[in-house]
PDB file of all heavy atoms in Angstrom:
ATOM      1  N   THR A   1     -55.699 -38.973 109.444  1.00  0.00           N
ATOM      2  CA  THR A   1     -54.610 -38.285 108.760  1.00  0.00           C
ATOM      3  C   THR A   1     -54.363 -36.908 109.356  1.00  0.00           C
ATOM      4  O   THR A   1     -53.230 -36.435 109.382  1.00  0.00           O
ATOM      5  CB  THR A   1     -54.900 -38.149 107.249  1.00  0.00           C
ATOM      6  OG1 THR A   1     -56.147 -37.493 107.082  1.00  0.00           O
ATOM      7  CG2 THR A   1     -54.906 -39.499 106.574  1.00  0.00           C
ATOM      8  N   GLN A   2     -55.423 -36.257 109.864  1.00  0.00           N
ATOM      9  CA  GLN A   2     -55.253 -34.942 110.467  1.00  0.00           C
ATOM     10  C   GLN A   2     -54.512 -35.019 111.787  1.00  0.00           C
ATOM     11  O   GLN A   2     -53.692 -34.175 112.105  1.00  0.00           O
ATOM     12  CB  GLN A   2     -56.617 -34.269 110.684  1.00  0.00           C
ATOM     13  CG  GLN A   2     -57.292 -33.862 109.394  1.00  0.00           C
ATOM     14  CD  GLN A   2     -58.718 -33.370 109.627  1.00  0.00           C
ATOM     15  OE1 GLN A   2     -59.205 -33.396 110.751  1.00  0.00           O
ATOM     16  NE2 GLN A   2     -59.366 -32.944 108.564  1.00  0.00           N
ATOM     17  N   GLU A   3     -54.791 -36.014 112.573  1.00  0.00           N
ATOM     18  CA  GLU A   3     -54.207 -36.119 113.908  1.00  0.00           C
ATOM     19  C   GLU A   3     -53.042 -37.095 113.954  1.00  0.00           C
ATOM     20  O   GLU A   3     -52.575 -37.447 115.031  1.00  0.00           O
ATOM     21  CB  GLU A   3     -55.285 -36.554 114.905  1.00  0.00           C
ATOM     22  CG  GLU A   3     -56.432 -35.561 115.009  1.00  0.00           C
ATOM     23  CD  GLU A   3     -57.543 -36.063 115.912  1.00  0.00           C
ATOM     24  OE1 GLU A   3     -57.319 -37.062 116.634  1.00  0.00           O
ATOM     25  OE2 GLU A   3     -58.626 -35.484 115.890  1.00  0.00           O
ATOM     26  N   LYS A   4     -52.576 -37.545 112.816  1.00  0.00           N
ATOM     27  CA  LYS A   4     -51.457 -38.496 112.708  1.00  0.00           C
ATOM     28  C   LYS A   4     -51.765 -39.830 113.383  1.00  0.00           C
ATOM     29  O   LYS A   4     -50.871 -40.522 113.829  1.00  0.00           O
ATOM     30  CB  LYS A   4     -50.169 -37.901 113.296  1.00  0.00           C
ATOM     31  CG  LYS A   4     -49.704 -36.654 112.609  1.00  0.00           C
ATOM     32  CD  LYS A   4     -49.220 -36.960 111.225  1.00  0.00           C
ATOM     33  CE  LYS A   4     -48.762 -35.672 110.578  1.00  0.00           C
ATOM     34  NZ  LYS A   4     -48.367 -35.785 109.251  1.00  0.00           N
ATOM     35  N   GLY A   5     -53.038 -40.172 113.514  1.00  0.00           N
ATOM     36  CA  GLY A   5     -53.471 -41.498 113.932  1.00  0.00           C
ATOM     37  C   GLY A   5     -53.130 -41.917 115.345  1.00  0.00           C
ATOM     38  O   GLY A   5     -52.007 -42.300 115.618  1.00  0.00           O
ATOM     39  N   THR A   6     -54.108 -41.838 116.204  1.00  0.00           N
ATOM     40  CA  THR A   6     -53.937 -42.404 117.534  1.00  0.00           C
ATOM     41  C   THR A   6     -54.424 -43.840 117.480  1.00  0.00           C
ATOM     42  O   THR A   6     -55.237 -44.201 116.640  1.00  0.00           O
ATOM     43  CB  THR A   6     -54.730 -41.599 118.581  1.00  0.00           C
ATOM     44  OG1 THR A   6     -56.111 -41.621 118.214  1.00  0.00           O
ATOM     45  CG2 THR A   6     -54.236 -40.163 118.672  1.00  0.00           C
ATOM     46  N   ASP A   7     -53.960 -44.661 118.388  1.00  0.00           N
ATOM     47  CA  ASP A   7     -54.285 -46.089 118.367  1.00  0.00           C
ATOM     48  C   ASP A   7     -55.782 -46.391 118.367  1.00  0.00           C
ATOM     49  O   ASP A   7     -56.227 -47.218 117.581  1.00  0.00           O
ATOM     50  CB  ASP A   7     -53.599 -46.797 119.522  1.00  0.00           C
ATOM     51  CG  ASP A   7     -52.122 -46.966 119.277  1.00  0.00           C
ATOM     52  OD1 ASP A   7     -51.687 -46.855 118.115  1.00  0.00           O
ATOM     53  OD2 ASP A   7     -51.409 -47.232 120.248  1.00  0.00           O
ATOM     54  N   PRO A   8     -56.607 -45.757 119.216  1.00  0.00           N
ATOM     55  CA  PRO A   8     -58.045 -46.084 119.186  1.00  0.00           C
ATOM     56  C   PRO A   8     -58.683 -45.757 117.836  1.00  0.00           C
ATOM     57  O   PRO A   8     -59.548 -46.489 117.367  1.00  0.00           O
ATOM     58  CB  PRO A   8     -58.651 -45.217 120.302  1.00  0.00           C
ATOM     59  CG  PRO A   8     -57.518 -44.900 121.209  1.00  0.00           C
ATOM     60  CD  PRO A   8     -56.284 -44.866 120.344  1.00  0.00           C
ATOM     61  N   GLN A   9     -58.244 -44.695 117.191  1.00  0.00           N
ATOM     62  CA  GLN A   9     -58.815 -44.344 115.897  1.00  0.00           C
ATOM     63  C   GLN A   9     -58.402 -45.343 114.819  1.00  0.00           C
ATOM     64  O   GLN A   9     -59.198 -45.692 113.959  1.00  0.00           O
ATOM     65  CB  GLN A   9     -58.384 -42.929 115.486  1.00  0.00           C
ATOM     66  CG  GLN A   9     -59.045 -41.853 116.330  1.00  0.00           C
ATOM     67  CD  GLN A   9     -58.549 -40.472 115.972  1.00  0.00           C
ATOM     68  OE1 GLN A   9     -57.461 -40.337 115.428  1.00  0.00           O
ATOM     69  NE2 GLN A   9     -59.339 -39.465 116.286  1.00  0.00           N
ATOM     70  N   VAL A  10     -57.181 -45.776 114.867  1.00  0.00           N
ATOM     71  CA  VAL A  10     -56.712 -46.770 113.894  1.00  0.00           C
ATOM     72  C   VAL A  10     -57.491 -48.069 114.072  1.00  0.00           C
ATOM     73  O   VAL A  10     -57.917 -48.689 113.099  1.00  0.00           O
ATOM     74  CB  VAL A  10     -55.193 -47.002 114.032  1.00  0.00           C
ATOM     75  CG1 VAL A  10     -54.735 -48.166 113.174  1.00  0.00           C
ATOM     76  CG2 VAL A  10     -54.430 -45.736 113.674  1.00  0.00           C
ATOM     77  N   GLU A  11     -57.697 -48.463 115.306  1.00  0.00           N
ATOM     78  CA  GLU A  11     -58.463 -49.679 115.581  1.00  0.00           C
ATOM     79  C   GLU A  11     -59.894 -49.543 115.081  1.00  0.00           C
ATOM     80  O   GLU A  11     -60.456 -50.473 114.501  1.00  0.00           O
ATOM     81  CB  GLU A  11     -58.447 -49.994 117.080  1.00  0.00           C
ATOM     82  CG  GLU A  11     -57.102 -50.450 117.583  1.00  0.00           C
ATOM     83  CD  GLU A  11     -57.078 -50.612 119.095  1.00  0.00           C
ATOM     84  OE1 GLU A  11     -58.152 -50.535 119.739  1.00  0.00           O
ATOM     85  OE2 GLU A  11     -55.982 -50.826 119.629  1.00  0.00           O
ATOM     86  N   GLU A  12     -60.498 -48.368 115.325  1.00  0.00           N
ATOM     87  CA  GLU A  12     -61.864 -48.125 114.860  1.00  0.00           C
ATOM     88  C   GLU A  12     -61.929 -48.151 113.343  1.00  0.00           C
ATOM     89  O   GLU A  12     -62.846 -48.729 112.745  1.00  0.00           O
ATOM     90  CB  GLU A  12     -62.377 -46.777 115.394  1.00  0.00           C
ATOM     91  CG  GLU A  12     -63.784 -46.433 114.952  1.00  0.00           C
ATOM     92  CD  GLU A  12     -64.876 -47.331 115.536  1.00  0.00           C
ATOM     93  OE1 GLU A  12     -64.600 -48.154 116.426  1.00  0.00           O
ATOM     94  OE2 GLU A  12     -66.018 -47.218 115.073  1.00  0.00           O
ATOM     95  N   LEU A  13     -60.950 -47.555 112.680  1.00  0.00           N
ATOM     96  CA  LEU A  13     -60.889 -47.550 111.219  1.00  0.00           C
ATOM     97  C   LEU A  13     -60.799 -48.977 110.689  1.00  0.00           C
ATOM     98  O   LEU A  13     -61.532 -49.353 109.765  1.00  0.00           O
ATOM     99  CB  LEU A  13     -59.695 -46.730 110.727  1.00  0.00           C
ATOM    100  CG  LEU A  13     -59.467 -46.690 109.221  1.00  0.00           C
ATOM    101  CD1 LEU A  13     -60.651 -46.061 108.510  1.00  0.00           C
ATOM    102  CD2 LEU A  13     -58.188 -45.941 108.908  1.00  0.00           C
ATOM    103  N   GLU A  14     -59.954 -49.772 111.270  1.00  0.00           N
ATOM    104  CA  GLU A  14     -59.803 -51.169 110.829  1.00  0.00           C
ATOM    105  C   GLU A  14     -61.082 -51.959 111.083  1.00  0.00           C
ATOM    106  O   GLU A  14     -61.483 -52.775 110.262  1.00  0.00           O
ATOM    107  CB  GLU A  14     -58.608 -51.829 111.530  1.00  0.00           C
ATOM    108  CG  GLU A  14     -57.265 -51.277 111.102  1.00  0.00           C
ATOM    109  CD  GLU A  14     -57.037 -51.371 109.605  1.00  0.00           C
ATOM    110  OE1 GLU A  14     -57.339 -52.426 109.008  1.00  0.00           O
ATOM    111  OE2 GLU A  14     -56.570 -50.367 109.020  1.00  0.00           O
ATOM    112  N   ARG A  15     -61.725 -51.713 112.212  1.00  0.00           N
ATOM    113  CA  ARG A  15     -62.973 -52.400 112.529  1.00  0.00           C
ATOM    114  C   ARG A  15     -64.046 -52.022 111.502  1.00  0.00           C
ATOM    115  O   ARG A  15     -64.776 -52.875 110.993  1.00  0.00           O
ATOM    116  CB  ARG A  15     -63.451 -52.043 113.938  1.00  0.00           C
ATOM    117  CG  ARG A  15     -64.697 -52.841 114.370  1.00  0.00           C
ATOM    118  CD  ARG A  15     -65.282 -52.344 115.678  1.00  0.00           C
ATOM    119  NE  ARG A  15     -65.870 -51.022 115.563  1.00  0.00           N
ATOM    120  CZ  ARG A  15     -67.053 -50.749 114.975  1.00  0.00           C
ATOM    121  NH1 ARG A  15     -67.738 -51.726 114.424  1.00  0.00           N
ATOM    122  NH2 ARG A  15     -67.520 -49.530 114.910  1.00  0.00           N
ATOM    123  N   LEU A  16     -64.136 -50.734 111.181  1.00  0.00           N
ATOM    124  CA  LEU A  16     -65.128 -50.289 110.192  1.00  0.00           C
ATOM    125  C   LEU A  16     -64.833 -50.838 108.804  1.00  0.00           C
ATOM    126  O   LEU A  16     -65.748 -51.223 108.071  1.00  0.00           O
ATOM    127  CB  LEU A  16     -65.194 -48.759 110.160  1.00  0.00           C
ATOM    128  CG  LEU A  16     -65.842 -48.099 111.374  1.00  0.00           C
ATOM    129  CD1 LEU A  16     -65.691 -46.586 111.305  1.00  0.00           C
ATOM    130  CD2 LEU A  16     -67.302 -48.485 111.492  1.00  0.00           C
ATOM    131  N   ARG A  17     -63.578 -50.897 108.446  1.00  0.00           N
ATOM    132  CA  ARG A  17     -63.219 -51.477 107.143  1.00  0.00           C
ATOM    133  C   ARG A  17     -63.618 -52.945 107.068  1.00  0.00           C
ATOM    134  O   ARG A  17     -64.135 -53.408 106.050  1.00  0.00           O
ATOM    135  CB  ARG A  17     -61.714 -51.342 106.891  1.00  0.00           C
ATOM    136  CG  ARG A  17     -61.307 -49.974 106.467  1.00  0.00           C
ATOM    137  CD  ARG A  17     -59.840 -49.912 106.145  1.00  0.00           C
ATOM    138  NE  ARG A  17     -59.496 -48.571 105.715  1.00  0.00           N
ATOM    139  CZ  ARG A  17     -58.293 -48.060 105.775  1.00  0.00           C
ATOM    140  NH1 ARG A  17     -57.287 -48.787 106.231  1.00  0.00           N
ATOM    141  NH2 ARG A  17     -58.064 -46.829 105.365  1.00  0.00           N
ATOM    142  N   ALA A  18     -63.366 -53.670 108.151  1.00  0.00           N
ATOM    143  CA  ALA A  18     -63.741 -55.090 108.190  1.00  0.00           C
ATOM    144  C   ALA A  18     -65.255 -55.249 108.119  1.00  0.00           C
ATOM    145  O   ALA A  18     -65.761 -56.154 107.438  1.00  0.00           O
ATOM    146  CB  ALA A  18     -63.193 -55.742 109.457  1.00  0.00           C
ATOM    147  N   GLU A  19     -65.981 -54.364 108.801  1.00  0.00           N
ATOM    148  CA  GLU A  19     -67.435 -54.426 108.790  1.00  0.00           C
ATOM    149  C   GLU A  19     -67.982 -54.150 107.386  1.00  0.00           C
ATOM    150  O   GLU A  19     -68.874 -54.845 106.905  1.00  0.00           O
ATOM    151  CB  GLU A  19     -68.002 -53.409 109.777  1.00  0.00           C
ATOM    152  CG  GLU A  19     -69.507 -53.488 109.945  1.00  0.00           C
ATOM    153  CD  GLU A  19     -70.023 -52.501 110.979  1.00  0.00           C
ATOM    154  OE1 GLU A  19     -69.353 -52.309 112.010  1.00  0.00           O
ATOM    155  OE2 GLU A  19     -71.096 -51.933 110.729  1.00  0.00           O
ATOM    156  N   VAL A  20     -67.434 -53.153 106.718  1.00  0.00           N
ATOM    157  CA  VAL A  20     -67.861 -52.825 105.356  1.00  0.00           C
ATOM    158  C   VAL A  20     -67.556 -53.991 104.418  1.00  0.00           C
ATOM    159  O   VAL A  20     -68.389 -54.370 103.590  1.00  0.00           O
ATOM    160  CB  VAL A  20     -67.192 -51.518 104.865  1.00  0.00           C
ATOM    161  CG1 VAL A  20     -67.374 -51.337 103.368  1.00  0.00           C
ATOM    162  CG2 VAL A  20     -67.755 -50.326 105.617  1.00  0.00           C
ATOM    163  N   ALA A  21     -66.378 -54.575 104.552  1.00  0.00           N
ATOM    164  CA  ALA A  21     -66.013 -55.714 103.700  1.00  0.00           C
ATOM    165  C   ALA A  21     -66.965 -56.882 103.927  1.00  0.00           C
ATOM    166  O   ALA A  21     -67.389 -57.540 102.967  1.00  0.00           O
ATOM    167  CB  ALA A  21     -64.572 -56.136 103.973  1.00  0.00           C
ATOM    168  N   GLU A  22     -67.343 -57.132 105.171  1.00  0.00           N
ATOM    169  CA  GLU A  22     -68.268 -58.225 105.477  1.00  0.00           C
ATOM    170  C   GLU A  22     -69.653 -57.940 104.898  1.00  0.00           C
ATOM    171  O   GLU A  22     -70.294 -58.823 104.325  1.00  0.00           O
ATOM    172  CB  GLU A  22     -68.356 -58.441 106.997  1.00  0.00           C
ATOM    173  CG  GLU A  22     -69.332 -59.506 107.417  1.00  0.00           C
ATOM    174  CD  GLU A  22     -68.990 -60.906 106.945  1.00  0.00           C
ATOM    175  OE1 GLU A  22     -67.845 -61.169 106.524  1.00  0.00           O
ATOM    176  OE2 GLU A  22     -69.883 -61.777 106.988  1.00  0.00           O
ATOM    177  N   LEU A  23     -70.124 -56.702 105.015  1.00  0.00           N
ATOM    178  CA  LEU A  23     -71.423 -56.337 104.457  1.00  0.00           C
ATOM    179  C   LEU A  23     -71.434 -56.499 102.937  1.00  0.00           C
ATOM    180  O   LEU A  23     -72.402 -56.987 102.356  1.00  0.00           O
ATOM    181  CB  LEU A  23     -71.797 -54.910 104.840  1.00  0.00           C
ATOM    182  CG  LEU A  23     -72.168 -54.680 106.304  1.00  0.00           C
ATOM    183  CD1 LEU A  23     -72.331 -53.192 106.589  1.00  0.00           C
ATOM    184  CD2 LEU A  23     -73.423 -55.432 106.670  1.00  0.00           C
ATOM    185  N   LYS A  24     -70.357 -56.099 102.293  1.00  0.00           N
ATOM    186  CA  LYS A  24     -70.262 -56.249 100.838  1.00  0.00           C
ATOM    187  C   LYS A  24     -70.248 -57.725 100.450  1.00  0.00           C
ATOM    188  O   LYS A  24     -70.863 -58.121  99.464  1.00  0.00           O
ATOM    189  CB  LYS A  24     -69.014 -55.548 100.308  1.00  0.00           C
ATOM    190  CG  LYS A  24     -69.144 -54.038 100.298  1.00  0.00           C
ATOM    191  CD  LYS A  24     -67.903 -53.370  99.754  1.00  0.00           C
ATOM    192  CE  LYS A  24     -68.056 -51.851  99.735  1.00  0.00           C
ATOM    193  NZ  LYS A  24     -66.868 -51.174  99.222  1.00  0.00           N
ATOM    194  N   ARG A  25     -69.541 -58.556 101.231  1.00  0.00           N
ATOM    195  CA  ARG A  25     -69.481 -59.992 100.956  1.00  0.00           C
ATOM    196  C   ARG A  25     -70.881 -60.615 101.075  1.00  0.00           C
ATOM    197  O   ARG A  25     -71.307 -61.393 100.225  1.00  0.00           O
ATOM    198  CB  ARG A  25     -68.507 -60.682 101.910  1.00  0.00           C
ATOM    199  CG  ARG A  25     -68.325 -62.179 101.615  1.00  0.00           C
ATOM    200  CD  ARG A  25     -67.570 -62.896 102.722  1.00  0.00           C
ATOM    201  NE  ARG A  25     -68.288 -62.902 103.982  1.00  0.00           N
ATOM    202  CZ  ARG A  25     -69.316 -63.715 104.265  1.00  0.00           C
ATOM    203  NH1 ARG A  25     -69.750 -64.577 103.365  1.00  0.00           N
ATOM    204  NH2 ARG A  25     -69.921 -63.662 105.424  1.00  0.00           N
TER     205      ARG A  25
END
């Protein structure tokens, strides 16, 4: 949000969200 989202950061964020969701599952 501070840097208005560069593509690698968005990809990393999505990857981490998916990883957290899998761990919770």
